[in-house]
Every structure is written in structure tokens, then in C-alpha cells.
Protein backbone atom coordinates (compact mmCIF):
# COMPACT_ATOMS: atom_id res chain seq x y z
CA MET A 1 -63.54 77.67 36.65
CA LEU A 2 -63.02 80.81 34.57
CA ASP A 3 -64.23 78.97 31.47
CA ARG A 4 -67.57 78.40 33.16
CA HIS A 5 -67.65 82.00 34.38
CA ALA A 6 -67.09 83.18 30.81
CA GLU A 7 -70.38 81.57 29.82
CA HIS A 8 -72.24 82.83 32.89
CA THR A 9 -74.95 85.27 31.81
CA ALA A 10 -77.42 85.23 34.71
CA GLY A 11 -78.56 88.74 35.51
CA ILE A 12 -76.66 90.60 32.84
CA ARG A 13 -78.50 92.65 30.23
CA GLU A 14 -77.74 92.53 26.51
CA GLN A 15 -79.04 95.11 24.08
CA GLU A 16 -78.61 95.35 20.33
CA LEU A 17 -77.78 98.88 19.15
CA ARG A 18 -77.46 100.80 15.92
CA PHE A 19 -75.70 104.15 15.94
CA ALA A 20 -74.38 106.68 13.47
CA SER A 21 -70.75 106.88 12.38
CA GLY A 22 -69.83 109.42 9.73
CA ASP A 23 -72.19 108.84 6.83
CA GLY A 24 -72.86 105.25 7.91
CA GLU A 25 -74.43 103.25 10.69
CA LEU A 26 -72.84 100.67 12.96
CA ALA A 27 -74.35 97.63 14.62
CA GLY A 28 -73.32 97.03 18.19
CA ARG A 29 -74.21 95.10 21.29
CA LEU A 30 -74.18 96.49 24.82
CA TYR A 31 -73.53 94.14 27.74
CA GLN A 32 -74.47 95.56 31.15
CA PRO A 33 -74.19 94.09 34.64
CA ALA A 34 -77.25 93.43 36.73
CA GLY A 35 -76.42 96.30 39.06
CA THR A 36 -74.67 99.61 38.59
CA ALA A 37 -71.64 99.41 36.32
CA LYS A 38 -68.28 100.16 37.94
CA ALA A 39 -66.69 101.05 34.59
CA ALA A 40 -67.47 100.98 30.88
CA VAL A 41 -65.39 99.34 28.14
CA VAL A 42 -65.50 100.00 24.42
CA LEU A 43 -63.97 97.02 22.65
CA ASN A 44 -62.43 97.91 19.29
CA GLY A 45 -62.07 94.68 17.35
CA ALA A 46 -59.35 93.36 15.07
CA THR A 47 -59.47 93.47 11.28
CA GLY A 48 -61.89 90.94 9.87
CA VAL A 49 -63.03 89.75 13.31
CA PRO A 50 -66.79 90.14 13.89
CA GLN A 51 -68.05 91.51 17.18
CA ARG A 52 -69.67 88.20 18.12
CA PHE A 53 -66.16 86.76 18.63
CA TYR A 54 -65.82 88.96 21.74
CA ARG A 55 -69.19 88.08 23.28
CA HIS A 56 -67.78 85.62 25.86
CA PHE A 57 -65.30 88.18 27.13
CA ALA A 58 -67.96 90.93 27.18
CA ARG A 59 -70.33 88.72 29.18
CA TRP A 60 -67.55 87.89 31.63
CA LEU A 61 -66.83 91.60 32.12
CA ALA A 62 -70.48 92.28 32.91
CA ALA A 63 -71.15 89.21 35.05
CA GLU A 64 -67.87 88.85 36.93
CA ARG A 65 -66.42 92.37 37.04
CA GLN A 66 -69.58 94.53 36.90
CA ILE A 67 -68.17 96.35 33.87
CA ALA A 68 -70.38 97.34 30.95
CA CYS A 69 -68.98 96.51 27.51
CA LEU A 70 -69.86 97.70 24.01
CA THR A 71 -68.85 95.55 21.05
CA TYR A 72 -69.57 96.56 17.46
CA ASP A 73 -68.70 95.91 13.83
CA TYR A 74 -66.89 98.44 11.68
CA ARG A 75 -68.65 100.06 8.76
CA ASP A 76 -69.59 97.77 5.86
CA PHE A 77 -68.47 94.69 7.78
CA GLY A 78 -70.20 92.02 9.85
CA ASP A 79 -73.55 93.11 11.24
CA SER A 80 -72.84 96.67 10.05
CA ALA A 81 -72.67 95.60 6.40
CA GLN A 82 -75.21 97.30 4.15
CA GLY A 83 -74.43 95.25 1.05
CA HIS A 84 -71.62 93.52 -0.77
CA PRO A 85 -68.14 94.79 0.19
CA ARG A 86 -67.45 95.48 -3.49
CA ARG A 87 -69.71 98.52 -3.21
CA SER A 88 -67.97 99.93 -0.12
CA LYS A 89 -65.57 102.88 -0.28
CA VAL A 90 -64.54 102.71 3.38
CA THR A 91 -60.87 102.62 4.39
CA MET A 92 -59.03 101.21 7.37
CA ALA A 93 -58.29 104.75 8.55
CA GLU A 94 -62.03 105.50 8.61
CA TRP A 95 -62.67 102.39 10.65
CA ALA A 96 -60.17 103.67 13.21
CA LEU A 97 -60.61 107.43 13.11
CA VAL A 98 -64.37 107.63 12.54
CA ASP A 99 -65.98 104.39 13.73
CA GLN A 100 -63.96 103.95 16.92
CA PRO A 101 -64.74 107.47 18.23
CA ALA A 102 -68.40 106.95 17.29
CA ALA A 103 -68.48 103.84 19.46
CA ARG A 104 -67.02 105.78 22.40
CA ALA A 105 -69.66 108.48 21.98
CA GLU A 106 -72.37 105.81 21.96
CA MET A 107 -71.03 104.23 25.13
CA ARG A 108 -70.96 107.61 26.89
CA ARG A 109 -74.67 107.98 26.12
CA HIS A 110 -75.41 104.71 27.88
CA CYS A 111 -72.85 104.73 30.71
CA ALA A 112 -72.03 108.23 31.86
CA GLY A 113 -70.32 108.94 35.15
CA VAL A 114 -68.09 105.86 35.34
CA PRO A 115 -64.51 105.38 34.08
CA LEU A 116 -64.40 104.73 30.34
CA TRP A 117 -61.74 102.30 29.13
CA VAL A 118 -60.88 101.34 25.58
CA ILE A 119 -59.69 97.83 24.81
CA GLY A 120 -58.11 97.68 21.37
CA HIS A 121 -57.41 94.31 19.78
CA SER A 122 -54.91 94.56 16.90
CA LEU A 123 -56.38 97.22 14.56
CA GLY A 124 -58.53 98.28 17.49
CA ALA A 125 -55.44 99.84 19.08
CA MET A 126 -53.22 100.59 16.12
CA LEU A 127 -54.40 104.12 15.27
CA MET A 128 -55.56 105.16 18.73
CA PRO A 129 -52.50 107.45 19.20
CA LEU A 130 -53.80 109.59 16.32
CA GLN A 131 -57.27 110.16 17.73
CA ASP A 132 -58.74 113.15 19.50
CA GLY A 133 -61.90 113.43 21.58
CA LEU A 134 -60.26 111.41 24.33
CA GLU A 135 -61.25 113.64 27.25
CA ASP A 136 -63.42 110.98 28.89
CA VAL A 137 -61.07 108.03 28.36
CA ALA A 138 -59.48 106.89 31.61
CA ARG A 139 -57.28 104.05 30.28
CA MET A 140 -56.20 102.40 27.04
CA ILE A 141 -55.65 98.64 26.98
CA VAL A 142 -53.77 97.32 23.94
CA VAL A 143 -54.00 93.60 23.17
CA ALA A 144 -51.84 92.31 20.30
CA GLY A 145 -51.90 95.70 18.61
CA GLY A 146 -48.79 97.04 16.95
CA LEU A 147 -46.99 98.55 13.99
CA VAL A 148 -46.02 95.44 12.08
CA HIS A 149 -43.90 95.03 8.96
CA HIS A 150 -43.92 91.81 6.97
CA HIS A 151 -40.28 91.22 7.96
CA ASP A 152 -41.39 91.02 11.62
CA HIS A 153 -43.24 87.73 11.06
CA PRO A 154 -41.37 84.55 11.93
CA TRP A 155 -41.16 81.69 9.46
CA PRO A 156 -43.18 79.82 8.31
CA TYR A 157 -45.95 82.37 8.91
CA ARG A 158 -43.98 84.94 6.94
CA ALA A 159 -44.55 82.90 3.78
CA LEU A 160 -48.31 83.26 4.24
CA ALA A 161 -47.94 86.99 4.85
CA LEU A 162 -45.87 87.44 1.70
CA ALA A 163 -48.53 85.67 -0.35
CA PHE A 164 -51.20 87.82 1.29
CA TRP A 165 -49.43 91.06 0.37
CA PHE A 166 -47.49 90.19 -2.79
CA GLY A 167 -48.88 86.94 -4.22
CA HIS A 168 -52.28 85.82 -5.42
CA VAL A 169 -54.28 87.82 -2.86
CA PRO A 170 -53.65 91.34 -4.25
CA LEU A 171 -54.31 89.96 -7.74
CA ALA A 172 -57.68 88.65 -6.58
CA ALA A 173 -58.53 91.89 -4.76
CA GLY A 174 -57.66 93.95 -7.83
CA ALA A 175 -59.70 91.78 -10.15
CA LEU A 176 -62.78 91.52 -7.94
CA GLY A 177 -62.84 94.98 -6.35
CA TYR A 178 -62.79 93.63 -2.77
CA LEU A 179 -60.77 91.22 -0.65
CA PRO A 180 -62.33 87.75 -1.10
CA GLY A 181 -61.22 86.67 2.33
CA ARG A 182 -63.26 83.50 2.49
CA ALA A 183 -61.91 82.30 -0.84
CA VAL A 184 -58.24 82.98 -0.01
CA GLY A 185 -58.38 81.56 3.51
CA PHE A 186 -58.41 84.84 5.43
CA GLY A 187 -61.86 84.19 6.84
CA ALA A 188 -63.75 87.39 6.03
CA ASP A 189 -64.45 89.43 2.93
CA LEU A 190 -63.32 93.05 3.26
CA PRO A 191 -63.79 96.27 1.28
CA ALA A 192 -60.96 97.01 -1.15
CA GLY A 193 -60.09 100.31 0.53
CA VAL A 194 -59.46 98.49 3.80
CA TYR A 195 -57.26 95.86 2.19
CA TRP A 196 -55.10 98.23 0.12
CA GLN A 197 -54.44 100.59 3.03
CA TRP A 198 -53.71 97.67 5.32
CA ARG A 199 -51.33 96.25 2.70
CA ARG A 200 -49.45 99.52 2.35
CA TRP A 201 -48.98 99.92 6.08
CA CYS A 202 -47.81 96.32 6.60
CA THR A 203 -45.29 96.53 3.77
CA THR A 204 -43.87 99.97 4.70
CA ARG A 205 -41.25 100.55 7.35
CA GLY A 206 -42.93 102.62 10.03
CA SER A 207 -46.40 101.41 9.01
CA TYR A 208 -48.72 104.43 8.86
CA LEU A 209 -46.27 106.88 10.42
CA PRO A 210 -45.07 108.23 7.03
CA ASP A 211 -48.71 109.24 6.38
CA THR A 212 -49.06 111.23 9.60
CA GLY A 213 -49.17 114.96 9.10
CA ARG A 214 -50.38 114.32 5.55
CA SER A 215 -53.35 112.01 5.03
CA LEU A 216 -53.44 111.09 8.73
CA PRO A 217 -53.32 113.20 11.90
CA ARG A 218 -50.09 113.41 13.84
CA PRO A 219 -49.83 111.39 17.06
CA ARG A 220 -51.00 113.48 20.02
CA TRP A 221 -51.65 110.88 22.71
CA ALA A 222 -48.85 112.18 24.92
CA GLU A 223 -50.80 115.40 25.38
CA SER A 224 -53.69 113.45 26.90
CA GLY A 225 -51.65 111.80 29.67
CA ILE A 226 -53.93 108.74 29.48
CA PRO A 227 -52.14 105.62 30.79
CA VAL A 228 -51.70 102.68 28.43
CA ASP A 229 -51.45 98.96 29.18
CA LEU A 230 -49.80 97.01 26.35
CA PHE A 231 -50.14 93.24 26.14
CA ALA A 232 -48.01 91.39 23.64
CA ILE A 233 -48.37 87.64 23.10
CA ALA A 234 -45.26 85.49 23.01
CA ASP A 235 -46.58 83.10 20.33
CA ASP A 236 -48.27 85.77 18.18
CA ASP A 237 -46.87 85.35 14.66
CA VAL A 238 -49.15 88.09 13.29
CA VAL A 239 -48.13 90.97 15.59
CA PRO A 240 -45.02 89.83 17.48
CA PRO A 241 -44.01 91.61 20.71
CA PRO A 242 -41.48 94.02 19.08
CA ALA A 243 -44.30 95.40 16.91
CA VAL A 244 -46.42 96.00 20.02
CA TRP A 245 -43.60 97.92 21.73
CA ARG A 246 -43.20 99.96 18.53
CA LEU A 247 -46.81 101.09 18.91
CA GLY A 248 -46.08 101.89 22.55
CA GLU A 249 -43.53 104.44 21.39
CA VAL A 250 -46.20 106.19 19.31
CA PHE A 251 -48.34 106.64 22.43
CA GLY A 252 -45.49 108.75 23.77
CA GLY A 253 -44.35 109.44 27.29
CA VAL A 254 -47.52 108.52 29.17
CA PRO A 255 -47.49 105.91 31.96
CA GLN A 256 -47.20 102.51 30.30
CA ARG A 257 -47.40 98.95 31.58
CA ARG A 258 -45.92 96.38 29.18
CA THR A 259 -46.69 92.68 29.59
CA VAL A 260 -45.88 89.63 27.49
CA LEU A 261 -48.49 86.88 27.76
CA VAL A 262 -46.67 83.54 27.65
CA PRO A 263 -48.90 80.48 27.17
CA ASN A 264 -47.17 78.02 29.51
CA ARG A 265 -47.03 80.59 32.32
CA SER A 266 -50.83 80.58 32.29
CA GLY A 267 -51.21 76.84 31.91
CA LEU A 268 -52.08 77.18 28.22
CA GLN A 269 -50.69 75.42 25.19
CA ALA A 270 -51.12 78.39 22.85
CA ILE A 271 -52.63 81.87 22.66
CA GLY A 272 -51.77 83.35 19.26
CA HIS A 273 -53.07 86.55 17.75
CA LEU A 274 -56.76 85.95 18.49
CA GLY A 275 -56.58 83.70 21.51
CA ALA A 276 -56.55 86.27 24.29
CA PHE A 277 -60.32 86.64 23.86
CA ALA A 278 -61.14 82.96 23.32
CA PRO A 279 -63.19 81.39 26.13
CA ALA A 280 -60.71 78.50 26.35
CA ASN A 281 -58.11 81.05 27.47
CA ALA A 282 -60.30 82.86 29.97
CA SER A 283 -57.65 82.43 32.65
CA LEU A 284 -55.94 85.42 30.98
CA TRP A 285 -58.87 87.79 31.36
CA PRO A 286 -58.44 89.01 34.96
CA GLY A 287 -54.90 90.12 34.11
CA LEU A 288 -56.12 92.30 31.25
CA ILE A 289 -58.38 94.41 33.46
CA PRO A 290 -57.08 96.92 36.02
CA GLN A 291 -58.45 96.95 39.52
CA ILE A 292 -61.26 99.45 40.10
């Protein structure tokens, strides 16, 4: 039933957007319910995952929950790409600390006066504790986002991660000046600055925390008091549950709800790192969204 609802689009409105972020421009898509929105969601995507991947979930929010949703692609990626990633100087930190706030500002322009929620998938949540300009955010929803170290990955996935960080992949990125994701089986080409920063954080104990107070802001989420819902996925080899709870500690002493999504408890065979937003797993979606 929910699978069919995920594809239901009758009455919802979809609008393609372009909006400024730093010295760049982002491409986004706004999904709005037929009537007045009860809430607004900005969906910060995972690394290398284009915004179109989230379209089924965004349509479900609008059609079944009367919640507006903004999806978008980070700078120099997906529909926001201005040219070959080799020419991009963008970093992962800029995706999080510049592009994500720009998307919130854009959503406020379209949906003022209703609660604003942020759903962060993987990278989409990882640096949220370092951000400011959160005055209008009513809730943070973390899905498979965490501070992961390559030793956190279970085998045999860890072998793939080690090759990605220490094997042929960094050699290819260094030689070509960008991450040739399609060629190495990652699925998306990425700017070099994104890959190298991502690599450093995933091969350093504490991830980006050693950079805070230096090249990154210090975590200040606790000052906001904004509640956080954290969803870890039991069969996520990329960001296992302990890495999600590690990120929860960076959010500080705000109200937190921590949930592990277990496939067989939801009648599913698998979820994995990306599967929470797949239409085949739409039975998970009502549990991700708080009651209004």
C-alpha cells in the first residue's frame, strides 16, 4: 500500500528552482502539497547521491503528509554541476556549511510560517552540529548519518573501504584531479576537494572533530536546544549504528530520540545505507516523520 502511495502525485505541485549558495548556484526541486503545507522539510542528501533519488520520498511527504519538501544537489554535482568536476574547487565542508544553509534559506522563502525540519541523510547530517543560522529549525532528523572511521566497517565491506581510501582510488583521484566514481564503481564523479576531505575524515579517529576550532567551527548545537531524531540502520555497512550514536554526542545535550531500523522488523529483507529512501522500503517512511 505504501509503495503505491509513494508514487501518488495527484494534486501535488513540483517546481524546479535555482538559488545562490556562496559563489555558486544550486539546482533544487520543491514539492508542495495541494493545500496548505503543515510543515516544510529540507532534505540534505548523501555524498554522491543526486537529488532525484529522493523524489519518491518527497512526493510521499507532499501527497500523504501535506509536508512541503525541498531536494537539491550540492555545488558542482548532479543538476548543480557547471562543468567537469576536475575544474571544481569545492570541498565537503562547503557542501555542508554553505550549501545546506543556503537550501534552508531558500525553503524559508517559499514556506514561511510553518515548522521547518531538516532531514539529513549521511553527509546531510554529519556537519549539522557545526552550523549556525538555525533559529527557524524546529527539528533535525538524522538518517544513517554519523562519524565513521574505516575500522567501523564490518568485513567484507571493510575491504572495499580500504581500497577506496588507501588503494587504487586515491591514486586515480591524484592522477586525474577528481574522483572518477563511475570508473571505480562508486557511482558518481566528485570534485577532488570533496574526496580528499572525505578521505581524511573517514581515516581519522574522531572524523572532523580534530579540525573544529581550526578550519571548522566548533559544535554549538546544544545552545540551540533543537531536538534531534537519530535513525541508524542495523544492516548499514557504510555508517553502522555506533557511528550514528557518535554523531549524536556531537549534537550535545538536546532532546534526542535514537532508533535502529531493523529490516525484518519492518517486513523487509534489507535496508542498507541508501535503502531508507527507496520506494521499495516505503513502509519505513511514516516512522521517520514526527506527528504534527
